[in-house]
Amino acid sequence: MAARPDSGTHRRIVGFTRREWQSTLYFLLHGLGFLASTLLITWGLFCLFFLAIGGFSFDGFIHQLNNFTTRYVAADPARTGAFLNMFAIAHMILSTAVIAFRADRILPPRDEEGASRHG
């Protein structure tokens, strides 16, 4: 669509107005931030698990990670594949639980009708 000669805030850029582009990009940025924070929280829960089985000490945590990596490297491909499947399932379960607890944060907050725009 060609650009219309009216005011700059209502110009069309590839079929969308500038305001529609801003809203779309804001929504996508918020969604990517939600997914990234969910991923980091899930990885933090895995670290908390190793910290817990290590007795909540740094030495125990490193010992458990060393034990885990030694066994993983020494495993045959079938056992490694089984571990990866178990890890993927655990990650999906934890991610689902974290998303369920953070469900109110999925969509960005909406402004009230008629609210003035600052900025």
C-alpha atoms as a PDB file:
ATOM      1  CA  MET A   1       0.000   0.000   0.000  1.00  0.00           C
ATOM      2  CA  ALA A   2       1.261   3.464  -0.774  1.00  0.00           C
ATOM      3  CA  ALA A   3       1.810   6.034   1.947  1.00  0.00           C
ATOM      4  CA  ARG A   4      -1.068   8.443   2.435  1.00  0.00           C
ATOM      5  CA  PRO A   5      -0.321  12.169   2.535  1.00  0.00           C
ATOM      6  CA  ASP A   6      -2.112  12.759   5.884  1.00  0.00           C
ATOM      7  CA  SER A   7      -0.479  13.150   9.332  1.00  0.00           C
ATOM      8  CA  GLY A   8       2.713  11.219  10.179  1.00  0.00           C
ATOM      9  CA  THR A   9       1.110   9.171  12.955  1.00  0.00           C
ATOM     10  CA  HIS A  10      -1.408   7.645  10.564  1.00  0.00           C
ATOM     11  CA  ARG A  11       0.945   6.900   7.674  1.00  0.00           C
ATOM     12  CA  ARG A  12       0.787   3.342   6.483  1.00  0.00           C
ATOM     13  CA  ILE A  13       3.987   1.321   6.389  1.00  0.00           C
ATOM     14  CA  VAL A  14       3.590  -2.005   4.569  1.00  0.00           C
ATOM     15  CA  GLY A  15      -0.104  -2.228   5.344  1.00  0.00           C
ATOM     16  CA  PHE A  16       0.079  -1.193   9.016  1.00  0.00           C
ATOM     17  CA  THR A  17      -0.054   2.179  10.668  1.00  0.00           C
ATOM     18  CA  ARG A  18       2.834   3.278  12.856  1.00  0.00           C
ATOM     19  CA  ARG A  19       0.727   2.687  15.983  1.00  0.00           C
ATOM     20  CA  GLU A  20      -0.073  -0.872  14.856  1.00  0.00           C
ATOM     21  CA  TRP A  21       3.659  -1.548  14.296  1.00  0.00           C
ATOM     22  CA  GLN A  22       4.440  -0.186  17.751  1.00  0.00           C
ATOM     23  CA  SER A  23       1.778  -2.351  19.364  1.00  0.00           C
ATOM     24  CA  THR A  24       2.913  -5.456  17.482  1.00  0.00           C
ATOM     25  CA  LEU A  25       6.569  -4.947  18.351  1.00  0.00           C
ATOM     26  CA  TYR A  26       5.717  -4.211  21.998  1.00  0.00           C
ATOM     27  CA  PHE A  27       3.657  -7.408  22.198  1.00  0.00           C
ATOM     28  CA  LEU A  28       6.446  -9.482  20.588  1.00  0.00           C
ATOM     29  CA  LEU A  29       9.103  -7.987  22.867  1.00  0.00           C
ATOM     30  CA  HIS A  30       6.965  -8.680  25.920  1.00  0.00           C
ATOM     31  CA  GLY A  31       6.351 -12.273  24.769  1.00  0.00           C
ATOM     32  CA  LEU A  32      10.045 -12.914  24.127  1.00  0.00           C
ATOM     33  CA  GLY A  33      10.881 -11.480  27.538  1.00  0.00           C
ATOM     34  CA  PHE A  34       8.315 -13.773  29.138  1.00  0.00           C
ATOM     35  CA  LEU A  35       9.760 -16.826  27.373  1.00  0.00           C
ATOM     36  CA  ALA A  36      13.353 -15.877  28.225  1.00  0.00           C
ATOM     37  CA  SER A  37      12.568 -15.311  31.891  1.00  0.00           C
ATOM     38  CA  THR A  38      10.640 -18.597  32.035  1.00  0.00           C
ATOM     39  CA  LEU A  39      13.644 -20.407  30.555  1.00  0.00           C
ATOM     40  CA  LEU A  40      16.013 -18.799  33.063  1.00  0.00           C
ATOM     41  CA  ILE A  41      13.705 -19.650  35.977  1.00  0.00           C
ATOM     42  CA  THR A  42      13.529 -23.272  34.806  1.00  0.00           C
ATOM     43  CA  TRP A  43      17.327 -23.523  34.537  1.00  0.00           C
ATOM     44  CA  GLY A  44      17.544 -21.966  37.995  1.00  0.00           C
ATOM     45  CA  LEU A  45      15.280 -24.698  39.335  1.00  0.00           C
ATOM     46  CA  PHE A  46      17.635 -27.324  37.902  1.00  0.00           C
ATOM     47  CA  CYS A  47      20.560 -25.585  39.615  1.00  0.00           C
ATOM     48  CA  LEU A  48      18.548 -25.437  42.848  1.00  0.00           C
ATOM     49  CA  PHE A  49      17.988 -29.192  42.548  1.00  0.00           C
ATOM     50  CA  PHE A  50      21.730 -29.880  42.337  1.00  0.00           C
ATOM     51  CA  LEU A  51      22.345 -27.434  45.147  1.00  0.00           C
ATOM     52  CA  ALA A  52      19.757 -29.226  47.292  1.00  0.00           C
ATOM     53  CA  ILE A  53      21.180 -32.713  46.733  1.00  0.00           C
ATOM     54  CA  GLY A  54      24.618 -31.256  47.479  1.00  0.00           C
ATOM     55  CA  GLY A  55      23.481 -30.209  50.949  1.00  0.00           C
ATOM     56  CA  PHE A  56      23.125 -26.496  50.029  1.00  0.00           C
ATOM     57  CA  SER A  57      26.897 -26.053  50.054  1.00  0.00           C
ATOM     58  CA  PHE A  58      29.104 -25.005  47.171  1.00  0.00           C
ATOM     59  CA  ASP A  59      31.386 -28.029  47.646  1.00  0.00           C
ATOM     60  CA  GLY A  60      28.419 -30.413  47.589  1.00  0.00           C
ATOM     61  CA  PHE A  61      26.986 -28.655  44.525  1.00  0.00           C
ATOM     62  CA  ILE A  62      30.260 -28.997  42.585  1.00  0.00           C
ATOM     63  CA  HIS A  63      30.628 -32.624  43.748  1.00  0.00           C
ATOM     64  CA  GLN A  64      27.138 -33.473  42.457  1.00  0.00           C
ATOM     65  CA  LEU A  65      27.812 -31.755  39.116  1.00  0.00           C
ATOM     66  CA  ASN A  66      31.113 -33.638  38.808  1.00  0.00           C
ATOM     67  CA  ASN A  67      29.358 -36.932  39.558  1.00  0.00           C
ATOM     68  CA  PHE A  68      26.661 -36.128  37.016  1.00  0.00           C
ATOM     69  CA  THR A  69      29.065 -35.146  34.218  1.00  0.00           C
ATOM     70  CA  THR A  70      31.385 -38.118  34.837  1.00  0.00           C
ATOM     71  CA  ARG A  71      28.490 -40.553  34.511  1.00  0.00           C
ATOM     72  CA  TYR A  72      27.060 -38.743  31.485  1.00  0.00           C
ATOM     73  CA  VAL A  73      30.365 -38.789  29.581  1.00  0.00           C
ATOM     74  CA  ALA A  74      30.923 -42.471  30.364  1.00  0.00           C
ATOM     75  CA  ALA A  75      27.396 -43.515  29.296  1.00  0.00           C
ATOM     76  CA  ASP A  76      26.657 -45.351  26.062  1.00  0.00           C
ATOM     77  CA  PRO A  77      24.479 -43.665  23.389  1.00  0.00           C
ATOM     78  CA  ALA A  78      21.302 -45.496  24.456  1.00  0.00           C
ATOM     79  CA  ARG A  79      21.654 -44.365  28.054  1.00  0.00           C
ATOM     80  CA  THR A  80      22.518 -40.814  26.952  1.00  0.00           C
ATOM     81  CA  GLY A  81      19.403 -40.736  24.753  1.00  0.00           C
ATOM     82  CA  ALA A  82      17.260 -41.933  27.641  1.00  0.00           C
ATOM     83  CA  PHE A  83      18.714 -39.194  29.837  1.00  0.00           C
ATOM     84  CA  LEU A  84      18.012 -36.536  27.202  1.00  0.00           C
ATOM     85  CA  ASN A  85      14.395 -37.710  26.961  1.00  0.00           C
ATOM     86  CA  MET A  86      14.053 -37.596  30.752  1.00  0.00           C
ATOM     87  CA  PHE A  87      15.617 -34.120  30.841  1.00  0.00           C
ATOM     88  CA  ALA A  88      13.276 -32.863  28.088  1.00  0.00           C
ATOM     89  CA  ILE A  89      10.222 -34.190  29.924  1.00  0.00           C
ATOM     90  CA  ALA A  90      11.370 -32.655  33.227  1.00  0.00           C
ATOM     91  CA  HIS A  91      12.038 -29.354  31.481  1.00  0.00           C
ATOM     92  CA  MET A  92       8.555 -29.331  29.911  1.00  0.00           C
ATOM     93  CA  ILE A  93       6.920 -30.128  33.260  1.00  0.00           C
ATOM     94  CA  LEU A  94       8.867 -27.400  35.062  1.00  0.00           C
ATOM     95  CA  SER A  95       8.211 -24.895  32.276  1.00  0.00           C
ATOM     96  CA  THR A  96       4.497 -25.666  32.341  1.00  0.00           C
ATOM     97  CA  ALA A  97       4.414 -25.200  36.125  1.00  0.00           C
ATOM     98  CA  VAL A  98       6.321 -21.905  35.928  1.00  0.00           C
ATOM     99  CA  ILE A  99       4.037 -20.640  33.147  1.00  0.00           C
ATOM    100  CA  ALA A 100       0.973 -21.655  35.178  1.00  0.00           C
ATOM    101  CA  PHE A 101       2.265 -19.679  38.184  1.00  0.00           C
ATOM    102  CA  ARG A 102       3.091 -16.679  35.961  1.00  0.00           C
ATOM    103  CA  ALA A 103      -0.069 -16.803  33.810  1.00  0.00           C
ATOM    104  CA  ASP A 104      -1.058 -13.256  34.737  1.00  0.00           C
ATOM    105  CA  ARG A 105       2.220 -12.003  33.201  1.00  0.00           C
ATOM    106  CA  ILE A 106       1.769 -13.553  29.753  1.00  0.00           C
ATOM    107  CA  LEU A 107       0.006 -10.572  28.201  1.00  0.00           C
ATOM    108  CA  PRO A 108       1.282  -7.038  28.698  1.00  0.00           C
ATOM    109  CA  PRO A 109      -0.848  -4.774  30.895  1.00  0.00           C
ATOM    110  CA  ARG A 110      -3.539  -2.823  29.035  1.00  0.00           C
ATOM    111  CA  ASP A 111      -4.063   0.876  29.419  1.00  0.00           C
ATOM    112  CA  GLU A 112      -7.495   1.985  30.488  1.00  0.00           C
ATOM    113  CA  GLU A 113      -9.707   3.464  27.799  1.00  0.00           C
ATOM    114  CA  GLY A 114      -9.008   7.163  27.416  1.00  0.00           C
ATOM    115  CA  ALA A 115      -5.726   7.082  29.347  1.00  0.00           C
ATOM    116  CA  SER A 116      -3.334   9.786  28.196  1.00  0.00           C
ATOM    117  CA  ARG A 117      -0.174   8.587  26.523  1.00  0.00           C
ATOM    118  CA  HIS A 118       3.063   9.873  28.028  1.00  0.00           C
ATOM    119  CA  GLY A 119       6.202   9.554  25.942  1.00  0.00           C
END
